[in-house]
N, C-alpha and C. Protein backbone atom coordinates (compact mmCIF):
# COMPACT_ATOMS: atom_id res chain seq x y z
N MET A 1 109.82 106.07 91.19
CA MET A 1 110.69 106.49 92.34
C MET A 1 111.69 105.43 93.04
N GLN A 2 112.40 105.21 93.16
CA GLN A 2 113.27 104.42 94.03
C GLN A 2 113.03 104.70 95.48
N GLN A 3 112.85 104.10 96.28
CA GLN A 3 112.28 104.28 97.71
C GLN A 3 113.21 103.83 98.98
N ALA A 4 114.01 102.75 98.33
CA ALA A 4 115.34 102.25 99.59
C ALA A 4 116.55 101.96 98.52
N GLU A 5 117.27 101.51 99.13
CA GLU A 5 118.26 100.15 98.77
C GLU A 5 119.28 99.58 99.63
N ALA A 6 119.33 98.42 99.37
CA ALA A 6 120.03 97.62 100.27
C ALA A 6 121.07 96.76 99.60
N PHE A 7 121.95 96.18 99.87
CA PHE A 7 122.79 95.09 99.52
C PHE A 7 123.44 93.87 100.15
N ILE A 8 123.09 92.68 100.19
CA ILE A 8 123.64 91.43 100.37
C ILE A 8 124.69 90.81 99.63
N THR A 9 126.05 90.49 100.70
CA THR A 9 127.10 89.61 100.17
C THR A 9 126.36 88.09 100.41
N THR A 10 126.87 87.18 99.42
CA THR A 10 126.81 86.19 99.55
C THR A 10 128.25 85.46 99.30
N ARG A 11 128.57 84.44 100.04
CA ARG A 11 129.76 83.52 99.15
C ARG A 11 129.66 82.71 98.90
N ASN A 12 128.54 81.82 98.37
CA ASN A 12 128.34 80.37 97.81
C ASN A 12 126.62 80.50 97.21
N GLU A 13 126.66 79.33 96.76
CA GLU A 13 124.86 79.13 95.36
C GLU A 13 123.83 78.89 96.46
N ALA A 14 124.37 78.34 97.83
CA ALA A 14 123.39 78.10 98.59
C ALA A 14 123.10 79.46 99.31
N GLU A 15 123.43 80.33 99.37
CA GLU A 15 123.18 81.30 99.86
C GLU A 15 122.66 82.38 99.32
N THR A 16 122.78 82.46 98.34
CA THR A 16 122.15 83.40 97.18
C THR A 16 120.58 82.33 97.09
N ALA A 17 120.53 81.33 96.89
CA ALA A 17 119.44 80.66 96.63
C ALA A 17 118.15 80.56 97.77
N HIS A 18 119.19 80.83 99.24
CA HIS A 18 118.40 80.86 100.40
C HIS A 18 117.86 82.32 100.37
N ILE A 19 118.51 83.29 100.32
CA ILE A 19 117.64 84.64 99.59
C ILE A 19 116.48 84.77 99.38
N GLY A 20 116.84 83.61 97.98
CA GLY A 20 115.50 83.79 96.86
C GLY A 20 114.30 83.18 97.70
N GLU A 21 114.56 81.71 98.44
CA GLU A 21 113.74 81.04 98.99
C GLU A 21 113.18 81.83 100.43
N VAL A 22 113.53 82.61 100.84
CA VAL A 22 113.17 83.63 101.92
C VAL A 22 112.21 84.54 101.40
N LEU A 23 112.61 85.14 99.77
CA LEU A 23 111.79 86.20 99.28
C LEU A 23 110.64 85.00 98.98
N GLY A 24 110.43 83.87 98.46
CA GLY A 24 109.65 83.35 98.30
C GLY A 24 108.70 83.06 99.22
N ARG A 25 109.37 82.88 100.49
CA ARG A 25 108.38 82.52 101.46
C ARG A 25 107.34 83.90 101.98
N ILE A 26 107.81 84.80 101.76
CA ILE A 26 107.29 86.24 102.18
C ILE A 26 106.25 86.60 101.14
N LEU A 27 106.29 86.25 100.30
CA LEU A 27 105.61 86.72 98.87
C LEU A 27 104.01 86.17 99.20
N ASP A 28 103.22 87.30 99.30
CA ASP A 28 101.84 86.93 99.49
C ASP A 28 100.98 87.24 98.36
N ARG A 29 101.61 88.16 97.30
CA ARG A 29 100.90 89.32 96.21
C ARG A 29 101.82 89.19 94.97
N PRO A 30 101.18 89.42 94.02
CA PRO A 30 101.84 89.49 92.32
C PRO A 30 102.85 90.53 92.75
N LEU A 31 103.70 90.09 92.28
CA LEU A 31 105.33 90.79 91.79
C LEU A 31 106.32 90.99 90.69
N VAL A 32 107.04 91.63 90.37
CA VAL A 32 107.79 91.63 89.23
C VAL A 32 109.16 91.79 89.93
N VAL A 33 109.91 90.48 89.75
CA VAL A 33 111.50 91.00 90.04
C VAL A 33 112.11 90.72 88.90
N ALA A 34 112.89 92.12 88.69
CA ALA A 34 113.93 92.29 87.40
C ALA A 34 115.00 91.73 87.70
N LEU A 35 115.43 90.71 87.09
CA LEU A 35 117.14 90.43 88.17
C LEU A 35 118.26 90.90 86.58
N GLN A 36 119.41 91.61 87.12
CA GLN A 36 120.14 91.81 86.22
C GLN A 36 121.34 91.29 86.92
N GLY A 37 122.44 90.91 86.40
CA GLY A 37 123.66 90.22 85.75
C GLY A 37 124.53 89.52 84.67
N GLU A 38 125.50 89.58 85.27
CA GLU A 38 126.30 89.36 83.82
C GLU A 38 125.97 87.25 84.05
N LEU A 39 125.91 86.59 82.53
CA LEU A 39 126.01 85.18 82.38
C LEU A 39 126.66 84.59 83.92
N GLY A 40 126.45 83.58 84.23
CA GLY A 40 126.43 82.68 85.71
C GLY A 40 126.70 83.53 86.82
N ALA A 41 126.12 84.56 86.91
CA ALA A 41 126.15 86.00 88.20
C ALA A 41 125.09 84.74 89.32
N GLY A 42 124.10 84.04 88.84
CA GLY A 42 123.29 83.45 89.90
C GLY A 42 121.77 84.21 89.57
N LYS A 43 121.51 84.16 88.63
CA LYS A 43 119.77 85.08 88.32
C LYS A 43 119.13 83.38 88.62
N THR A 44 119.69 82.39 87.66
CA THR A 44 118.51 81.46 87.75
C THR A 44 118.87 81.04 89.11
N VAL A 45 119.86 80.70 89.90
CA VAL A 45 119.81 80.37 90.85
C VAL A 45 119.07 80.82 92.22
N PHE A 46 119.00 82.27 92.28
CA PHE A 46 118.23 83.18 92.89
C PHE A 46 116.26 82.60 92.94
N VAL A 47 116.10 82.30 91.25
CA VAL A 47 114.64 82.33 91.01
C VAL A 47 114.44 80.16 91.33
N ARG A 48 115.47 79.56 91.69
CA ARG A 48 115.05 78.55 92.17
C ARG A 48 115.34 78.51 93.62
N GLY A 49 115.93 79.29 94.42
CA GLY A 49 115.48 79.73 95.86
C GLY A 49 114.10 79.82 95.89
N ALA A 50 113.72 81.22 95.07
CA ALA A 50 112.55 81.70 95.61
C ALA A 50 111.61 80.34 94.86
N ALA A 51 111.47 79.84 93.64
CA ALA A 51 110.50 78.86 93.54
C ALA A 51 110.25 77.62 94.81
N ARG A 52 111.28 77.47 95.56
CA ARG A 52 111.49 76.28 96.98
C ARG A 52 110.32 76.99 97.83
N GLY A 53 110.56 78.51 98.07
CA GLY A 53 109.82 79.17 98.82
C GLY A 53 108.38 79.52 98.76
N LEU A 54 108.32 79.20 97.40
CA LEU A 54 106.98 79.54 96.78
C LEU A 54 106.23 78.44 97.09
N ASP A 55 106.75 76.93 97.23
CA ASP A 55 106.49 75.47 97.37
C ASP A 55 106.37 74.82 95.47
N VAL A 56 107.00 75.42 94.77
CA VAL A 56 106.90 74.93 93.59
C VAL A 56 107.77 74.16 93.81
N ARG A 57 107.07 72.65 93.16
CA ARG A 57 107.57 70.98 93.21
C ARG A 57 108.33 70.78 91.98
N GLU A 58 108.56 71.56 90.73
CA GLU A 58 109.16 71.01 89.44
C GLU A 58 110.64 72.06 89.65
N GLN A 59 111.11 71.29 88.85
CA GLN A 59 112.68 72.00 88.47
C GLN A 59 112.45 73.01 88.28
N ILE A 60 113.35 73.79 88.18
CA ILE A 60 113.54 75.58 87.74
C ILE A 60 114.77 75.03 86.42
N THR A 61 114.54 75.41 85.40
CA THR A 61 115.56 75.99 84.57
C THR A 61 115.47 76.93 84.02
N SER A 62 116.65 77.41 83.31
CA SER A 62 116.49 78.87 82.95
C SER A 62 115.82 78.84 81.26
N PRO A 63 114.94 79.74 81.36
CA PRO A 63 114.14 80.39 80.07
C PRO A 63 114.91 80.51 78.83
N THR A 64 115.93 80.76 78.64
CA THR A 64 116.69 81.08 77.82
C THR A 64 116.64 80.94 76.19
N PHE A 65 116.14 80.05 76.08
CA PHE A 65 115.65 79.31 74.82
C PHE A 65 114.09 79.18 74.60
N VAL A 66 113.68 79.32 75.73
CA VAL A 66 111.80 79.25 75.18
C VAL A 66 111.28 80.78 75.50
N LEU A 67 112.28 81.58 76.22
CA LEU A 67 111.92 82.82 76.71
C LEU A 67 110.85 83.01 78.02
N GLN A 68 110.05 81.59 78.39
CA GLN A 68 109.07 81.73 79.20
C GLN A 68 108.85 80.48 79.93
N ARG A 69 108.56 80.43 81.38
CA ARG A 69 108.42 78.96 81.60
C ARG A 69 107.61 79.44 82.89
N ILE A 70 106.48 78.61 83.24
CA ILE A 70 105.60 78.70 84.09
C ILE A 70 105.41 77.36 85.16
N TYR A 71 105.46 77.82 86.44
CA TYR A 71 105.53 76.92 87.47
C TYR A 71 104.37 76.85 88.66
N HIS A 72 103.68 76.09 88.85
CA HIS A 72 102.74 75.74 89.99
C HIS A 72 103.28 75.97 91.52
N GLY A 73 102.91 76.87 92.11
CA GLY A 73 102.77 77.20 93.64
C GLY A 73 102.14 77.70 94.27
N ARG A 74 102.46 78.08 95.58
CA ARG A 74 101.71 79.02 96.27
C ARG A 74 100.53 80.19 95.50
N LEU A 75 101.94 80.77 95.27
CA LEU A 75 101.44 81.44 93.74
C LEU A 75 102.30 81.28 92.49
N PRO A 76 101.63 81.25 91.31
CA PRO A 76 102.16 80.59 89.91
C PRO A 76 103.59 81.69 89.67
N LEU A 77 104.37 81.25 89.62
CA LEU A 77 105.73 81.67 88.99
C LEU A 77 105.99 81.67 87.82
N TYR A 78 106.11 83.19 86.99
CA TYR A 78 106.25 82.95 85.70
C TYR A 78 108.28 83.96 85.94
N HIS A 79 108.71 82.57 85.03
CA HIS A 79 110.11 83.06 84.79
C HIS A 79 110.60 83.59 82.99
N PHE A 80 110.84 84.36 83.30
CA PHE A 80 111.17 84.82 81.89
C PHE A 80 112.67 85.24 81.38
N ASP A 81 113.27 85.45 80.25
CA ASP A 81 114.19 85.59 79.72
C ASP A 81 114.51 86.53 78.95
N PHE A 82 114.84 87.69 78.94
CA PHE A 82 114.83 88.47 77.78
C PHE A 82 116.03 88.82 76.83
N TYR A 83 117.34 87.66 77.26
CA TYR A 83 117.97 88.20 76.55
C TYR A 83 118.45 88.20 75.20
N ARG A 84 117.56 86.66 74.29
CA ARG A 84 117.21 86.91 73.32
C ARG A 84 115.89 87.82 72.36
N LEU A 85 115.52 89.00 73.35
CA LEU A 85 114.62 89.87 72.78
C LEU A 85 115.53 91.34 72.37
N SER A 86 114.83 92.10 71.58
CA SER A 86 115.20 93.19 71.37
C SER A 86 113.91 93.83 71.07
N ASP A 87 113.91 95.44 70.92
CA ASP A 87 112.94 96.15 70.38
C ASP A 87 112.30 95.75 69.45
N ASP A 88 113.04 95.41 68.16
CA ASP A 88 112.11 94.87 67.28
C ASP A 88 111.25 93.46 67.36
N ASP A 89 111.10 93.00 68.29
CA ASP A 89 110.26 91.52 68.90
C ASP A 89 108.74 92.24 68.96
N ASP A 90 107.50 91.96 68.54
CA ASP A 90 106.53 92.27 68.85
C ASP A 90 105.89 91.70 69.78
N ILE A 91 106.30 92.38 71.14
CA ILE A 91 106.30 92.13 72.59
C ILE A 91 104.72 91.50 72.53
N ILE A 92 103.64 92.72 71.90
CA ILE A 92 102.26 92.23 72.51
C ILE A 92 102.02 91.02 72.29
N GLU A 93 102.58 90.28 70.66
CA GLU A 93 102.39 89.11 70.58
C GLU A 93 102.47 88.01 70.91
N LEU A 94 103.79 88.25 72.32
CA LEU A 94 104.59 87.30 72.69
C LEU A 94 103.59 87.17 74.27
N GLY A 95 102.72 88.26 74.63
CA GLY A 95 101.92 87.96 75.38
C GLY A 95 102.47 88.12 76.86
N PHE A 96 103.77 89.19 77.05
CA PHE A 96 104.25 89.31 78.40
C PHE A 96 102.99 89.75 79.50
N GLU A 97 102.44 90.87 78.50
CA GLU A 97 101.68 91.93 79.88
C GLU A 97 101.13 91.16 80.27
N GLU A 98 100.71 90.32 80.41
CA GLU A 98 99.52 89.49 81.19
C GLU A 98 100.08 88.82 82.21
N TYR A 99 101.05 88.98 82.27
CA TYR A 99 101.98 88.29 83.46
C TYR A 99 102.97 89.22 84.43
N LEU A 100 102.66 90.57 83.91
CA LEU A 100 103.81 91.48 84.70
C LEU A 100 103.08 92.12 85.34
N PRO A 101 102.10 91.79 86.41
CA PRO A 101 102.70 90.48 87.44
C PRO A 101 101.65 89.89 86.89
N GLY A 102 100.77 90.11 86.52
CA GLY A 102 99.60 89.21 86.46
C GLY A 102 98.97 88.38 87.99
N GLU A 103 98.93 87.20 87.91
CA GLU A 103 98.44 86.54 89.44
C GLU A 103 99.16 85.94 90.31
N GLY A 104 100.61 85.92 89.86
CA GLY A 104 101.59 85.33 90.42
C GLY A 104 102.82 86.18 90.63
N VAL A 105 104.45 85.72 90.23
CA VAL A 105 105.42 86.75 90.96
C VAL A 105 106.17 86.23 89.60
N ALA A 106 106.17 87.09 88.74
CA ALA A 106 107.24 87.34 87.79
C ALA A 106 108.63 87.53 87.75
N PHE A 107 109.72 86.46 87.79
CA PHE A 107 110.91 86.48 87.52
C PHE A 107 111.44 87.10 86.31
N VAL A 108 112.34 88.24 85.83
CA VAL A 108 112.70 88.42 84.46
C VAL A 108 113.99 88.81 84.54
N GLU A 109 115.19 87.87 84.15
CA GLU A 109 115.55 87.79 83.93
C GLU A 109 116.37 89.03 82.59
N TRP A 110 117.51 89.58 82.36
CA TRP A 110 117.99 90.59 81.21
C TRP A 110 116.92 91.69 80.71
N PRO A 111 115.98 92.32 82.54
CA PRO A 111 115.14 92.98 82.06
C PRO A 111 115.21 94.26 81.31
N GLU A 112 117.08 94.54 81.45
CA GLU A 112 117.58 96.02 81.04
C GLU A 112 117.13 95.66 79.24
N ARG A 113 116.84 94.56 78.60
CA ARG A 113 116.79 94.71 77.25
C ARG A 113 115.23 95.14 76.77
N LEU A 114 114.47 95.14 77.43
CA LEU A 114 112.86 95.66 77.40
C LEU A 114 112.44 96.23 78.43
N PRO A 115 113.04 97.17 79.05
CA PRO A 115 112.56 97.49 80.22
C PRO A 115 111.13 98.30 79.95
N GLU A 116 110.58 98.05 78.89
CA GLU A 116 109.46 99.62 78.95
C GLU A 116 108.10 98.62 79.05
N VAL A 117 108.82 97.01 79.00
CA VAL A 117 107.34 96.19 79.05
C VAL A 117 107.09 95.62 80.62
N LEU A 118 108.13 96.45 81.67
CA LEU A 118 107.99 95.98 83.07
C LEU A 118 107.00 96.94 84.01
N PRO A 119 106.21 96.54 84.81
CA PRO A 119 105.51 97.54 85.27
C PRO A 119 106.40 98.59 86.15
N PRO A 120 105.81 99.70 86.76
CA PRO A 120 106.63 100.81 87.25
C PRO A 120 106.83 100.32 88.76
N ASP A 121 105.97 99.38 89.52
CA ASP A 121 106.44 98.76 90.74
C ASP A 121 106.96 97.40 90.29
N GLN A 122 108.14 97.29 90.87
CA GLN A 122 108.79 95.97 90.74
C GLN A 122 110.14 96.60 91.47
N LEU A 123 110.28 95.00 91.94
CA LEU A 123 111.55 94.81 93.00
C LEU A 123 112.94 94.52 91.70
N GLU A 124 113.65 95.75 91.55
CA GLU A 124 115.17 95.52 90.87
C GLU A 124 116.60 94.56 91.56
N ILE A 125 116.60 93.55 91.17
CA ILE A 125 117.91 93.03 91.73
C ILE A 125 119.19 92.92 90.95
N ILE A 126 120.11 93.27 91.20
CA ILE A 126 121.19 92.95 90.58
C ILE A 126 122.14 92.35 91.04
N ILE A 127 123.02 91.40 90.62
CA ILE A 127 123.43 90.59 90.87
C ILE A 127 125.10 90.37 90.64
N GLU A 128 126.07 90.85 91.27
CA GLU A 128 127.21 90.69 90.72
C GLU A 128 128.32 90.08 91.45
N ARG A 129 129.09 89.51 90.71
CA ARG A 129 130.29 88.41 91.03
C ARG A 129 131.52 89.23 91.55
N PHE A 130 132.08 88.83 92.88
CA PHE A 130 133.25 89.84 92.60
C PHE A 130 134.43 88.58 93.17
N TYR A 131 135.40 89.15 93.31
CA TYR A 131 136.59 88.38 93.95
C TYR A 131 137.35 88.97 95.02
N ASP A 132 137.68 88.05 96.05
CA ASP A 132 138.53 88.85 97.00
C ASP A 132 139.46 88.11 97.87
N GLU A 133 140.35 88.49 98.81
CA GLU A 133 140.98 87.32 99.66
C GLU A 133 140.25 86.32 99.93
N SER A 134 138.90 86.11 100.16
CA SER A 134 138.36 85.02 100.89
C SER A 134 137.68 84.40 99.51
N GLY A 135 137.83 84.56 98.13
CA GLY A 135 137.77 83.71 97.08
C GLY A 135 136.29 84.67 96.06
N GLU A 136 135.77 83.60 96.04
CA GLU A 136 134.54 84.37 95.08
C GLU A 136 132.87 84.27 95.55
N GLY A 137 132.39 85.95 95.50
CA GLY A 137 131.15 85.60 95.94
C GLY A 137 130.20 86.95 94.84
N ARG A 138 129.25 86.86 95.63
CA ARG A 138 128.35 87.80 95.16
C ARG A 138 127.46 89.07 96.13
N GLN A 139 127.56 90.19 95.29
CA GLN A 139 127.00 91.07 96.01
C GLN A 139 125.35 91.38 95.19
N LEU A 140 124.36 90.98 96.02
CA LEU A 140 122.86 91.54 95.81
C LEU A 140 122.09 92.55 95.93
N TRP A 141 122.03 93.30 94.87
CA TRP A 141 121.69 94.67 95.32
C TRP A 141 120.20 94.68 94.87
N PHE A 142 119.48 95.19 96.30
CA PHE A 142 118.34 95.63 95.97
C PHE A 142 117.70 96.92 96.08
N ASN A 143 117.08 97.26 94.76
CA ASN A 143 116.41 98.53 94.30
C ASN A 143 114.52 98.46 94.55
N PRO A 144 114.25 98.50 95.17
CA PRO A 144 112.26 98.42 95.38
C PRO A 144 112.16 99.87 94.65
N LEU A 145 110.80 99.10 93.46
CA LEU A 145 110.60 100.77 92.64
C LEU A 145 109.22 100.66 92.62
N GLY A 146 108.45 100.80 94.08
CA GLY A 146 107.08 100.96 94.43
C GLY A 146 107.22 100.82 95.61
N SER A 147 105.45 100.90 96.13
CA SER A 147 105.45 100.34 97.30
C SER A 147 105.08 99.06 97.61
N THR A 148 104.80 98.11 96.80
CA THR A 148 104.72 96.71 97.22
C THR A 148 105.86 96.15 97.37
N SER A 149 106.67 96.55 96.10
CA SER A 149 108.27 95.91 96.37
C SER A 149 109.14 96.65 97.28
N ALA A 150 109.04 98.00 97.78
CA ALA A 150 109.30 98.10 98.99
C ALA A 150 109.38 97.35 100.09
N ALA A 151 108.04 97.20 100.42
CA ALA A 151 107.12 96.60 101.59
C ALA A 151 107.70 95.09 101.57
N MET A 152 108.19 94.12 99.94
CA MET A 152 108.68 93.35 100.18
C MET A 152 109.90 93.41 100.62
N LEU A 153 110.78 94.19 100.56
CA LEU A 153 112.20 94.35 100.58
C LEU A 153 112.34 94.29 102.09
N ALA A 154 111.53 95.18 102.69
CA ALA A 154 111.74 95.28 103.90
C ALA A 154 111.69 94.21 104.96
N LEU A 155 110.46 93.55 104.24
CA LEU A 155 109.95 92.06 105.19
C LEU A 155 111.10 90.90 104.74
N LEU A 156 112.09 90.99 103.47
CA LEU A 156 112.86 90.24 103.35
C LEU A 156 113.78 90.24 104.28
N LEU A 157 114.50 91.52 104.49
CA LEU A 157 115.19 92.10 105.18
C LEU A 157 115.23 91.62 106.77
N GLU A 158 113.96 92.06 107.17
CA GLU A 158 113.64 91.84 108.88
C GLU A 158 113.42 90.19 108.68
N THR A 159 113.54 89.43 108.07
CA THR A 159 113.39 87.81 108.10
C THR A 159 114.35 86.96 107.87
N LEU A 160 115.86 87.77 107.19
CA LEU A 160 116.99 86.71 107.15
C LEU A 160 117.87 86.90 108.62
N ASN A 161 118.10 86.22 108.48
CA ASN A 161 119.18 85.72 110.05
C ASN A 161 120.46 85.32 109.95
N TRP A 162 121.65 86.07 110.38
CA TRP A 162 122.60 86.77 110.25
C TRP A 162 123.01 85.90 111.12
N HIS A 163 124.72 85.19 111.25
CA HIS A 163 125.51 85.00 112.69
C HIS A 163 126.27 86.30 112.87
N SER A 164 126.74 86.05 113.89
CA SER A 164 127.48 87.30 114.78
C SER A 164 128.56 87.37 114.01
N ASP A 165 129.13 86.72 112.80
CA ASP A 165 130.71 87.00 112.03
C ASP A 165 129.84 87.74 110.79
N GLY A 166 128.43 88.28 110.98
CA GLY A 166 127.81 88.73 109.71
C GLY A 166 127.63 88.10 108.67
N SER A 167 127.77 86.85 108.48
CA SER A 167 127.52 85.62 107.35
C SER A 167 125.71 85.36 107.63
N LEU A 168 125.58 84.69 106.39
CA LEU A 168 123.92 84.51 106.46
C LEU A 168 123.91 82.75 106.81
N ASN A 169 122.76 83.08 107.88
CA ASN A 169 122.54 81.56 108.50
C ASN A 169 121.35 81.02 107.69
N ILE A 170 121.96 79.88 107.25
CA ILE A 170 120.53 79.36 106.11
C ILE A 170 120.05 78.17 106.29
N THR A 171 120.41 77.86 108.06
CA THR A 171 120.00 76.76 108.53
C THR A 171 118.20 76.99 109.04
């Protein structure tokens, strides 16, 4: 059951990463974050920011060709990419269920490829690229699907700071 919805507009990669970083800072329990968006929308940029907020020291790279990467920070960060998977793949053999959510935070890119493996309580984030008179931007749509994800979204929105012109304060 969807409990709330919010969206945030970003104008550059730094703002998108900052939102991820703030989320990473406030995370204090396991959570699955399902990231949807076209190629180049900013899904991995968001995860890089979250990794900074979770005190991950390793460089975050896209798991497209390895399917999963695990990083160590305040909480473990599990980064999945389901782009190359299909219903025909033996998900149980791949072992994803022990990480969703597991002991840490699981960021899943392309979750729509295998939605049945995700838990019911997840924070869905849809990143859409757009163009207007100010140039290129992103809209990040947040859909919490459960009480844990709803609490994290509420805290994220309370924690973000905005300038009087409506732009995101990333300092």
